[in-house]
């Protein structure tokens, strides 16, 4: 009897990766306002507030890495 392998989830259906989760944890735990963080990161305050509220589920890996590195003070190695 042949076993079938379930199809790999489509990209849009995948759970967020660990970089996204760590970046979101940093944003949620940061006591500063979205306006203050946006100024530090040089990002639009409205966009950052939406991200922080979970309204932007996929900010893009480069932007997630940028935010993570700026807020954590740690560089991710290639």
Protein backbone atom coordinates (compact mmCIF):
# COMPACT_ATOMS: atom_id res chain seq x y z
CA UNK A 1 0.00 0.00 0.00
CA UNK A 2 1.49 3.30 -1.09
CA UNK A 3 1.59 6.15 1.35
CA UNK A 4 0.95 9.64 0.16
CA UNK A 5 2.98 12.57 1.32
CA UNK A 6 0.87 15.61 2.17
CA UNK A 7 1.63 18.64 0.03
CA UNK A 8 4.03 21.22 1.41
CA UNK A 9 2.12 24.26 2.71
CA UNK A 10 2.01 27.15 0.32
CA UNK A 11 4.23 30.05 1.28
CA UNK A 12 1.26 32.16 2.30
CA UNK A 13 0.05 29.40 4.66
CA UNK A 14 3.34 28.91 6.53
CA UNK A 15 3.80 30.03 10.11
CA UNK A 16 6.07 33.01 10.72
CA UNK A 17 9.74 32.15 11.17
CA UNK A 18 11.84 32.61 14.26
CA UNK A 19 13.28 35.95 13.08
CA UNK A 20 9.77 37.36 12.78
CA UNK A 21 8.81 36.02 16.21
CA UNK A 22 11.95 37.45 17.84
CA UNK A 23 11.47 40.82 16.15
CA UNK A 24 7.83 40.96 17.29
CA UNK A 25 8.83 40.04 20.84
CA UNK A 26 11.33 42.91 20.86
CA UNK A 27 8.69 45.33 19.56
CA UNK A 28 6.03 44.21 22.02
CA UNK A 29 8.39 44.23 25.01
CA UNK A 30 9.88 47.64 24.20
CA UNK A 31 8.41 50.26 26.57
CA UNK A 32 8.90 53.09 24.06
CA UNK A 33 6.04 54.32 21.90
CA UNK A 34 5.76 53.35 18.24
CA UNK A 35 6.57 56.96 17.40
CA UNK A 36 9.85 56.83 19.36
CA UNK A 37 10.87 53.49 17.87
CA UNK A 38 9.95 54.65 14.36
CA UNK A 39 12.18 57.70 14.81
CA UNK A 40 15.08 55.51 15.95
CA UNK A 41 14.60 53.09 13.05
CA UNK A 42 13.80 55.83 10.51
CA UNK A 43 10.59 54.02 9.51
CA UNK A 44 7.08 55.45 9.04
CA UNK A 45 5.34 55.59 12.42
CA UNK A 46 1.99 54.39 11.03
CA UNK A 47 3.59 51.34 9.41
CA UNK A 48 5.48 50.48 12.60
CA UNK A 49 2.32 50.83 14.71
CA UNK A 50 0.49 48.47 12.34
CA UNK A 51 3.36 45.98 12.53
CA UNK A 52 3.45 46.19 16.31
CA UNK A 53 -0.32 45.55 16.47
CA UNK A 54 0.03 42.48 14.24
CA UNK A 55 -1.72 44.07 11.26
CA UNK A 56 1.27 43.38 8.97
CA UNK A 57 1.89 39.62 9.12
CA UNK A 58 4.74 39.62 6.58
CA UNK A 59 6.98 42.67 6.79
CA UNK A 60 9.71 41.11 4.65
CA UNK A 61 12.85 39.40 5.82
CA UNK A 62 15.18 42.35 5.21
CA UNK A 63 13.03 44.75 7.18
CA UNK A 64 12.51 42.18 9.96
CA UNK A 65 16.28 41.65 10.16
CA UNK A 66 16.90 45.41 10.21
CA UNK A 67 14.41 45.94 13.06
CA UNK A 68 15.74 42.96 15.00
CA UNK A 69 19.36 44.08 14.70
CA UNK A 70 18.59 47.69 15.66
CA UNK A 71 16.45 46.83 18.69
CA UNK A 72 18.53 43.91 19.97
CA UNK A 73 21.95 45.40 19.24
CA UNK A 74 22.95 42.03 17.76
CA UNK A 75 24.08 41.45 14.19
CA UNK A 76 22.80 38.33 12.47
CA UNK A 77 25.55 36.41 10.75
CA UNK A 78 25.13 35.51 7.10
